[in-house]
Amino acid sequence: MEDSEAPMKRKMPGPFKVFRPLMLVIPVGVEKEVRWRNDRRGVYGIELRLDDESYIDFDFSDWITEDGAIRPLVPTESISPIQIDDFRVGITGIQASSIFAKWYDTTFNPRLVIEGWRRHGNLIPFDEIVPNLIYRDVALMHDYRYTCMFPSWDVCLTLPVYLLLCEDIPDFEVRLSDVTELGDQIRKSLKGISARRRQGEVEYQNLESFLEKLHSLEDELSLALNAIRSGYDVRFGERGGPDLYVNSVPCELKSRFPVNYGEDIEVRVPEDFTILDIYQLFILEIKQAERALRKSRIFFNNLSRTGAGMAYTAAVDQERKKGKPPFRGFYEMQTSLRVMIHLALELQKEGEKAIVPYTRYVGPDSRYMIPIPIPLTKFQEAKELEYPRGKNRSSST
């Protein structure tokens, strides 16, 4: 479709999966202001300001025609990351775009984003991915009246840094280059999506599974990087093998994305619930544990984007803010990836396969939330108590 003013031909909106945002935690006492970018065409952007300083800002108005339709806009300049200041990074070719890099990992900065994009953009073509993810956000705003605090293209600024920082981990190229591995899956999916978008035939649902692949790769790299930072030897798995080896122990990682439609957008912790109540709901979100542990000894399960995972993160954060002494606070058991990996390694030495559920939130104090590793046998017992034989239960435990 050559005419950039012609609206895209799209099917009527269908259900969509909401697995963003990751939990955004703002410190107590910080003044928060959300400025909506909108006019008679609807909402087309957001600016988040904390203590009157801009931290997240995006504007997709160029993608919406005057009558409110979505146009297949071709960027007028090459798409690439741009440093805004020492902490904020954006993307050229978008009217307004910036994120605060350190919110995703305390070591991130714009220079690392730019270098990671330059070094690994040949394996993961971020410049081609960004327009497709912008389309996803515009479709959400236009068809569903839903606007996320984080734009979908932020993964194209964070994933390059993880690629850069993980490039020296043994078998890194396998995860990006080998057929059927995540990097190969991303490239194949992108080829079809970009072709359909240029023809005005892209479907929103196609972008969901594609975005999940991007975040799955990012989650895997993030865990590997932080395990190394915690003092462990890490290498990526060979083709067809486990995702990771930690101190030579095979490990599998699965990231959960909600299967419900729109119900996990807002998460609230009820006043009369204890953190142990939330913890129980969180643990019951673990799926496919037995399948993952067929070829591994430790199963890392990222539940950050599930409703229960976000509620658990919020509950633990509330406990942290109460200021309990460390030896009494339940939350203190959630903060050390190093200790939790150590405990999981000890369990497998004793013949137990271990499950390590976790969440990770973003913001000024980004961190992992990890409870004590769960032996597979104990997890199976808990599931049996919750779903006795003969009752309706999930087959993917």
Protein backbone atom coordinates (compact mmCIF):
# COMPACT_ATOMS: atom_id res chain seq x y z
CA MET A 1 0.00 0.00 0.00
CA GLU A 2 1.82 3.10 -1.23
CA ASP A 3 -0.50 5.83 0.06
CA SER A 4 0.48 6.44 3.68
CA GLU A 5 -2.77 8.37 4.25
CA ALA A 6 -5.01 5.42 3.38
CA PRO A 7 -6.38 3.68 6.49
CA MET A 8 -5.35 0.09 7.11
CA LYS A 9 -7.85 -2.66 6.40
CA ARG A 10 -8.34 -4.60 9.61
CA LYS A 11 -10.80 -7.10 10.98
CA MET A 12 -13.13 -6.11 13.77
CA PRO A 13 -11.43 -6.17 17.18
CA GLY A 14 -11.26 -9.55 18.88
CA PRO A 15 -10.09 -10.50 22.37
CA PHE A 16 -6.53 -9.57 23.22
CA LYS A 17 -4.11 -10.73 25.87
CA VAL A 18 -2.82 -8.12 28.27
CA PHE A 19 0.54 -9.10 29.74
CA ARG A 20 1.92 -5.63 30.12
CA PRO A 21 2.87 -3.62 32.04
CA LEU A 22 5.32 -5.21 34.34
CA MET A 23 4.67 -3.99 37.85
CA LEU A 24 5.79 -0.36 38.16
CA VAL A 25 6.74 0.51 41.73
CA ILE A 26 7.11 4.17 42.69
CA PRO A 27 8.75 5.08 46.03
CA VAL A 28 6.62 6.55 48.79
CA GLY A 29 6.60 10.34 48.81
CA VAL A 30 7.29 10.76 45.09
CA GLU A 31 4.72 12.93 43.32
CA LYS A 32 3.32 11.07 40.31
CA GLU A 33 1.61 12.75 37.37
CA VAL A 34 0.29 11.07 34.22
CA ARG A 35 -0.29 13.40 31.27
CA TRP A 36 -2.46 11.94 28.53
CA ARG A 37 -1.78 12.93 24.95
CA ASN A 38 -5.14 13.12 23.24
CA ASP A 39 -7.46 15.13 21.03
CA ARG A 40 -10.73 14.44 19.22
CA ARG A 41 -9.09 11.35 17.67
CA GLY A 42 -8.66 9.76 21.10
CA VAL A 43 -5.65 8.96 23.27
CA TYR A 44 -2.39 8.50 21.37
CA GLY A 45 0.30 8.81 24.02
CA ILE A 46 1.34 9.23 27.65
CA GLU A 47 3.90 11.14 29.63
CA LEU A 48 4.74 9.95 33.15
CA ARG A 49 6.33 12.57 35.39
CA LEU A 50 7.75 11.98 38.87
CA ASP A 51 8.51 15.04 40.99
CA ASP A 52 7.92 17.05 37.79
CA GLU A 53 10.61 15.19 35.82
CA SER A 54 9.72 13.18 32.71
CA TYR A 55 10.50 9.45 32.87
CA ILE A 56 8.30 7.85 30.20
CA ASP A 57 7.01 9.69 27.15
CA PHE A 58 5.55 8.53 23.86
CA ASP A 59 3.38 10.03 21.11
CA PHE A 60 1.86 8.02 18.25
CA SER A 61 -0.28 10.81 16.76
CA ASP A 62 1.48 10.52 13.39
CA TRP A 63 -0.06 7.07 13.01
CA ILE A 64 -3.66 8.30 13.31
CA THR A 65 -5.47 10.16 10.53
CA GLU A 66 -7.64 13.21 11.15
CA ASP A 67 -10.76 11.05 11.01
CA GLY A 68 -9.31 8.66 13.61
CA ALA A 69 -8.26 5.74 11.39
CA ILE A 70 -4.84 4.05 11.65
CA ARG A 71 -2.49 4.71 8.78
CA PRO A 72 0.44 2.45 7.77
CA LEU A 73 2.91 5.26 8.31
CA VAL A 74 6.42 4.70 7.01
CA PRO A 75 8.97 6.52 9.23
CA THR A 76 10.56 9.49 7.48
CA GLU A 77 13.96 8.74 9.02
CA SER A 78 15.82 5.60 9.98
CA ILE A 79 14.72 4.04 13.23
CA SER A 80 17.50 3.82 15.79
CA PRO A 81 18.06 4.57 19.49
CA ILE A 82 19.00 8.08 20.50
CA GLN A 83 20.48 9.31 23.76
CA ILE A 84 18.34 12.03 25.34
CA ASP A 85 20.45 12.53 28.44
CA ASP A 86 22.57 10.40 30.80
CA PHE A 87 19.58 8.27 31.78
CA ARG A 88 16.86 8.57 29.14
CA VAL A 89 16.91 6.92 25.73
CA GLY A 90 14.46 7.22 22.85
CA ILE A 91 13.96 6.18 19.23
CA THR A 92 14.38 8.35 16.15
CA GLY A 93 11.49 8.27 13.71
CA ILE A 94 8.85 8.57 16.45
CA GLN A 95 7.39 11.96 17.24
CA ALA A 96 8.05 11.56 20.98
CA SER A 97 9.69 8.62 22.69
CA SER A 98 11.75 8.17 25.81
CA ILE A 99 12.18 5.71 28.65
CA PHE A 100 14.33 5.82 31.77
CA ALA A 101 16.86 3.03 31.14
CA LYS A 102 17.86 2.40 34.76
CA TRP A 103 14.29 1.45 35.65
CA TYR A 104 14.74 -1.88 33.87
CA ASP A 105 18.15 -2.69 35.31
CA THR A 106 20.27 -0.45 37.52
CA THR A 107 23.28 -0.88 35.19
CA PHE A 108 21.47 0.20 32.01
CA ASN A 109 22.21 3.51 30.30
CA PRO A 110 21.59 4.97 26.81
CA ARG A 111 25.14 4.26 25.64
CA LEU A 112 24.69 0.54 26.28
CA VAL A 113 21.38 0.59 24.38
CA ILE A 114 22.98 2.20 21.33
CA GLU A 115 25.97 -0.17 21.38
CA GLY A 116 23.79 -3.26 21.84
CA TRP A 117 21.54 -2.20 18.95
CA ARG A 118 24.60 -1.64 16.75
CA ARG A 119 26.29 -4.94 17.60
CA HIS A 120 23.28 -7.25 17.48
CA GLY A 121 20.80 -5.52 15.18
CA ASN A 122 21.84 -7.92 12.43
CA LEU A 123 20.57 -10.90 14.43
CA ILE A 124 17.48 -9.20 15.90
CA PRO A 125 16.40 -6.44 13.43
CA PHE A 126 15.07 -3.91 15.94
CA ASP A 127 14.58 -1.18 13.31
CA GLU A 128 12.07 -3.44 11.57
CA ILE A 129 10.42 -4.58 14.82
CA VAL A 130 9.66 -1.10 16.20
CA PRO A 131 7.01 -0.07 13.58
CA ASN A 132 5.12 -3.33 14.17
CA LEU A 133 5.06 -2.78 17.93
CA ILE A 134 3.94 0.83 17.47
CA TYR A 135 1.06 -0.53 15.38
CA ARG A 136 0.14 -2.83 18.28
CA ASP A 137 -0.07 0.10 20.70
CA VAL A 138 -2.01 2.27 18.27
CA ALA A 139 -4.49 -0.56 17.67
CA LEU A 140 -4.94 -0.98 21.42
CA MET A 141 -5.67 2.73 21.83
CA HIS A 142 -7.83 2.98 18.73
CA ASP A 143 -9.85 -0.25 18.95
CA TYR A 144 -9.88 -1.01 22.67
CA ARG A 145 -9.37 2.39 24.31
CA TYR A 146 -6.53 0.85 26.32
CA THR A 147 -3.22 2.63 26.87
CA CYS A 148 -0.35 1.02 28.72
CA MET A 149 2.11 3.07 30.75
CA PHE A 150 4.97 1.34 28.95
CA PRO A 151 5.02 1.36 25.13
CA SER A 152 5.55 -2.03 23.51
CA TRP A 153 8.71 -0.83 21.75
CA ASP A 154 10.56 -0.49 25.06
CA VAL A 155 11.68 -4.11 24.60
CA CYS A 156 13.63 -2.90 21.55
CA LEU A 157 15.67 -0.67 23.87
CA THR A 158 16.17 -3.12 26.74
CA LEU A 159 16.76 -6.33 24.78
CA PRO A 160 19.82 -4.89 22.95
CA VAL A 161 21.49 -4.23 26.30
CA TYR A 162 20.90 -7.78 27.48
CA LEU A 163 22.30 -9.06 24.19
CA LEU A 164 25.37 -6.89 24.64
CA LEU A 165 25.96 -7.90 28.26
CA CYS A 166 25.37 -11.60 27.60
CA GLU A 167 27.40 -11.97 24.42
CA ASP A 168 30.36 -13.56 26.21
CA ILE A 169 28.27 -16.25 27.93
CA PRO A 170 29.14 -19.63 26.35
CA ASP A 171 26.72 -20.77 23.62
CA PHE A 172 25.17 -17.30 23.36
CA GLU A 173 25.09 -17.55 19.56
CA VAL A 174 23.09 -20.79 19.79
CA ARG A 175 20.13 -18.99 21.37
CA LEU A 176 20.16 -16.35 18.63
CA SER A 177 21.20 -18.25 15.51
CA ASP A 178 20.27 -21.93 15.66
CA VAL A 179 17.15 -23.07 13.85
CA THR A 180 14.06 -23.36 16.13
CA GLU A 181 15.72 -21.42 18.97
CA LEU A 182 14.27 -18.08 20.15
CA GLY A 183 16.30 -15.84 17.86
CA ASP A 184 15.28 -17.88 14.82
CA GLN A 185 11.62 -17.90 15.93
CA ILE A 186 11.66 -14.09 16.25
CA ARG A 187 13.11 -13.55 12.78
CA LYS A 188 10.68 -15.93 11.09
CA SER A 189 7.68 -14.40 12.82
CA LEU A 190 8.84 -10.88 12.00
CA LYS A 191 9.20 -11.64 8.29
CA GLY A 192 5.55 -12.61 7.95
CA ILE A 193 4.24 -9.82 10.20
CA SER A 194 6.16 -7.07 8.37
CA ALA A 195 4.94 -8.30 5.00
CA ARG A 196 1.31 -8.30 6.14
CA ARG A 197 1.63 -4.88 7.77
CA ARG A 198 3.03 -3.34 4.58
CA GLN A 199 0.04 -4.76 2.70
CA GLY A 200 -2.38 -3.46 5.32
CA GLU A 201 -3.39 -6.97 6.36
CA VAL A 202 -1.72 -7.38 9.74
CA GLU A 203 -3.87 -8.77 12.55
CA TYR A 204 -3.41 -7.57 16.07
CA GLN A 205 -3.41 -11.13 17.47
CA ASN A 206 -0.33 -12.01 15.37
CA LEU A 207 1.64 -9.37 17.25
CA GLU A 208 0.82 -10.86 20.65
CA SER A 209 2.67 -14.14 20.18
CA PHE A 210 5.52 -12.25 18.51
CA LEU A 211 5.86 -9.88 21.46
CA GLU A 212 5.82 -12.86 23.83
CA LYS A 213 8.83 -14.31 21.99
CA LEU A 214 10.74 -11.05 22.40
CA HIS A 215 10.02 -10.92 26.11
CA SER A 216 10.82 -14.61 26.56
CA LEU A 217 14.27 -14.04 25.08
CA GLU A 218 14.76 -10.94 27.24
CA ASP A 219 13.71 -12.85 30.38
CA GLU A 220 16.13 -15.64 29.60
CA LEU A 221 19.05 -13.26 29.07
CA SER A 222 18.14 -11.27 32.18
CA LEU A 223 18.15 -14.38 34.37
CA ALA A 224 21.45 -15.59 32.92
CA LEU A 225 23.08 -12.20 33.43
CA ASN A 226 21.88 -11.83 37.01
CA ALA A 227 22.89 -15.39 37.88
CA ILE A 228 26.42 -14.54 36.74
CA ARG A 229 26.32 -11.35 38.77
CA SER A 230 25.34 -13.50 41.74
CA GLY A 231 28.55 -15.49 41.40
CA TYR A 232 27.44 -18.56 39.43
CA ASP A 233 28.89 -20.13 36.29
CA VAL A 234 26.34 -19.92 33.48
CA ARG A 235 26.15 -21.16 29.91
CA PHE A 236 23.26 -21.39 27.50
CA GLY A 237 21.86 -24.76 26.51
CA GLU A 238 22.65 -26.49 23.26
CA ARG A 239 20.08 -26.94 20.52
CA GLY A 240 17.17 -29.00 21.84
CA GLY A 241 18.60 -28.99 25.36
CA PRO A 242 17.74 -27.05 28.50
CA ASP A 243 17.69 -23.25 28.37
CA LEU A 244 20.58 -22.74 30.79
CA TYR A 245 23.21 -24.50 32.81
CA VAL A 246 23.96 -22.96 36.21
CA ASN A 247 27.08 -24.46 37.80
CA SER A 248 26.65 -27.26 35.21
CA VAL A 249 23.10 -28.02 36.45
CA PRO A 250 20.49 -28.01 33.63
CA CYS A 251 17.81 -25.35 34.14
CA GLU A 252 14.66 -24.46 32.25
CA LEU A 253 12.97 -21.04 32.17
CA LYS A 254 9.39 -20.37 31.18
CA SER A 255 7.72 -16.97 31.17
CA ARG A 256 3.99 -16.98 31.83
CA PHE A 257 1.68 -14.76 29.83
CA PRO A 258 -2.01 -14.50 30.78
CA VAL A 259 -4.54 -16.56 28.88
CA ASN A 260 -7.46 -14.39 29.99
CA TYR A 261 -8.50 -11.27 28.13
CA GLY A 262 -8.03 -7.93 29.82
CA GLU A 263 -8.67 -9.15 33.36
CA ASP A 264 -5.08 -8.68 34.53
CA ILE A 265 -4.75 -5.01 33.62
CA GLU A 266 -5.45 -3.72 37.12
CA VAL A 267 -4.22 -5.64 40.15
CA ARG A 268 -5.32 -4.79 43.67
CA VAL A 269 -4.42 -6.52 46.93
CA PRO A 270 -7.60 -6.81 49.05
CA GLU A 271 -7.38 -5.21 52.48
CA ASP A 272 -8.35 -8.38 54.34
CA PHE A 273 -5.82 -10.62 52.58
CA THR A 274 -2.53 -11.50 54.23
CA ILE A 275 0.69 -11.82 52.27
CA LEU A 276 0.50 -15.59 52.83
CA ASP A 277 -2.89 -15.63 51.09
CA ILE A 278 -1.38 -13.82 48.11
CA TYR A 279 1.63 -16.14 48.21
CA GLN A 280 -0.64 -19.19 47.93
CA LEU A 281 -2.41 -17.73 44.89
CA PHE A 282 1.00 -16.92 43.40
CA ILE A 283 2.32 -20.46 43.80
CA LEU A 284 -0.78 -21.93 42.18
CA GLU A 285 0.04 -19.92 39.03
CA ILE A 286 2.96 -22.26 38.30
CA LYS A 287 2.26 -24.28 35.16
CA GLN A 288 4.09 -26.94 33.14
CA ALA A 289 6.50 -27.74 35.97
CA GLU A 290 6.68 -31.46 35.28
CA ARG A 291 7.18 -30.88 31.57
CA ALA A 292 9.98 -28.36 32.18
CA LEU A 293 11.74 -30.66 34.64
CA ARG A 294 11.87 -33.60 32.25
CA LYS A 295 15.09 -32.19 30.79
CA SER A 296 16.27 -30.05 33.70
CA ARG A 297 16.85 -30.11 37.45
CA ILE A 298 15.73 -26.55 38.24
CA PHE A 299 12.68 -24.81 36.76
CA PHE A 300 12.61 -21.02 36.83
CA ASN A 301 9.05 -19.76 36.26
CA ASN A 302 8.64 -16.04 35.56
CA LEU A 303 5.15 -15.04 36.75
CA SER A 304 5.70 -11.27 36.56
CA ARG A 305 2.96 -10.66 34.00
CA THR A 306 0.21 -12.72 35.59
CA GLY A 307 -2.45 -11.16 37.80
CA ALA A 308 -1.36 -13.25 40.78
CA GLY A 309 2.28 -12.37 40.12
CA MET A 310 1.57 -8.66 40.10
CA ALA A 311 -0.57 -8.97 43.23
CA TYR A 312 2.24 -10.88 44.94
CA THR A 313 4.76 -8.20 43.97
CA ALA A 314 2.45 -5.49 45.33
CA ALA A 315 1.92 -7.39 48.60
CA VAL A 316 5.63 -7.95 49.16
CA ASP A 317 6.33 -4.31 48.37
CA GLN A 318 3.75 -3.30 51.00
CA GLU A 319 5.57 -5.50 53.53
CA ARG A 320 8.87 -3.85 52.66
CA LYS A 321 7.41 -0.41 53.24
CA LYS A 322 6.21 -1.37 56.74
CA GLY A 323 9.82 -1.38 57.89
CA LYS A 324 9.76 -4.66 59.81
CA PRO A 325 13.07 -5.92 61.22
CA PRO A 326 14.82 -8.07 58.58
CA PHE A 327 14.72 -11.25 60.69
CA ARG A 328 10.96 -10.97 61.09
CA GLY A 329 9.85 -9.64 57.73
CA PHE A 330 8.48 -12.27 55.35
CA TYR A 331 9.51 -10.04 52.46
CA GLU A 332 13.22 -10.41 53.26
CA MET A 333 13.07 -13.96 51.91
CA GLN A 334 12.18 -12.60 48.48
CA THR A 335 15.10 -10.37 47.59
CA SER A 336 18.22 -12.46 46.97
CA LEU A 337 18.59 -14.29 43.67
CA ARG A 338 22.00 -15.55 44.84
CA VAL A 339 20.56 -17.27 47.92
CA MET A 340 17.57 -18.73 46.08
CA ILE A 341 19.76 -20.26 43.38
CA HIS A 342 22.02 -21.68 46.08
CA LEU A 343 19.05 -23.32 47.81
CA ALA A 344 17.78 -24.72 44.51
CA LEU A 345 21.21 -26.18 43.74
CA GLU A 346 21.31 -27.78 47.20
CA LEU A 347 17.88 -29.34 46.66
CA GLN A 348 18.92 -30.95 43.41
CA LYS A 349 22.09 -32.31 45.06
CA GLU A 350 19.78 -34.09 47.51
CA GLY A 351 17.89 -35.68 44.64
CA GLU A 352 15.05 -33.14 44.57
CA LYS A 353 14.09 -31.23 41.46
CA ALA A 354 13.38 -27.60 42.35
CA ILE A 355 10.90 -24.98 41.15
CA VAL A 356 11.86 -21.31 41.48
CA PRO A 357 8.88 -19.01 40.79
CA TYR A 358 9.66 -15.32 40.62
CA THR A 359 8.53 -11.89 39.58
CA ARG A 360 10.57 -8.89 38.60
CA TYR A 361 9.24 -5.36 38.68
CA VAL A 362 10.54 -2.17 37.12
CA GLY A 363 10.98 1.31 38.54
CA PRO A 364 13.47 3.23 40.67
CA ASP A 365 14.18 0.07 42.71
CA SER A 366 13.87 -2.72 40.14
CA ARG A 367 14.42 -6.15 41.66
CA TYR A 368 13.52 -9.82 41.69
CA MET A 369 10.89 -11.20 44.08
CA ILE A 370 11.72 -14.85 44.74
CA PRO A 371 10.31 -17.09 47.46
CA ILE A 372 12.15 -20.15 48.77
CA PRO A 373 12.55 -22.79 46.02
CA ILE A 374 9.85 -25.45 46.03
CA PRO A 375 10.72 -29.17 45.71
CA LEU A 376 8.75 -30.74 42.87
CA THR A 377 7.28 -33.36 45.21
CA LYS A 378 5.95 -30.68 47.59
CA PHE A 379 4.51 -28.71 44.69
CA GLN A 380 2.71 -31.80 43.42
CA GLU A 381 1.27 -32.39 46.90
CA ALA A 382 0.03 -28.79 47.10
CA LYS A 383 -1.60 -29.04 43.68
CA GLU A 384 -3.29 -32.27 44.67
CA LEU A 385 -4.74 -30.63 47.77
CA GLU A 386 -6.01 -27.71 45.70
CA TYR A 387 -7.32 -29.87 42.84
CA PRO A 388 -8.19 -33.35 44.19
CA ARG A 389 -8.55 -36.15 41.70
CA GLY A 390 -11.96 -36.21 40.11
CA LYS A 391 -12.36 -32.45 40.17
CA ASN A 392 -11.66 -30.03 37.35
CA ARG A 393 -7.94 -29.31 37.28
CA SER A 394 -5.29 -28.12 34.87
CA SER A 395 -3.41 -30.83 33.00
CA SER A 396 -0.29 -28.67 32.72
CA THR A 397 1.12 -28.88 36.25
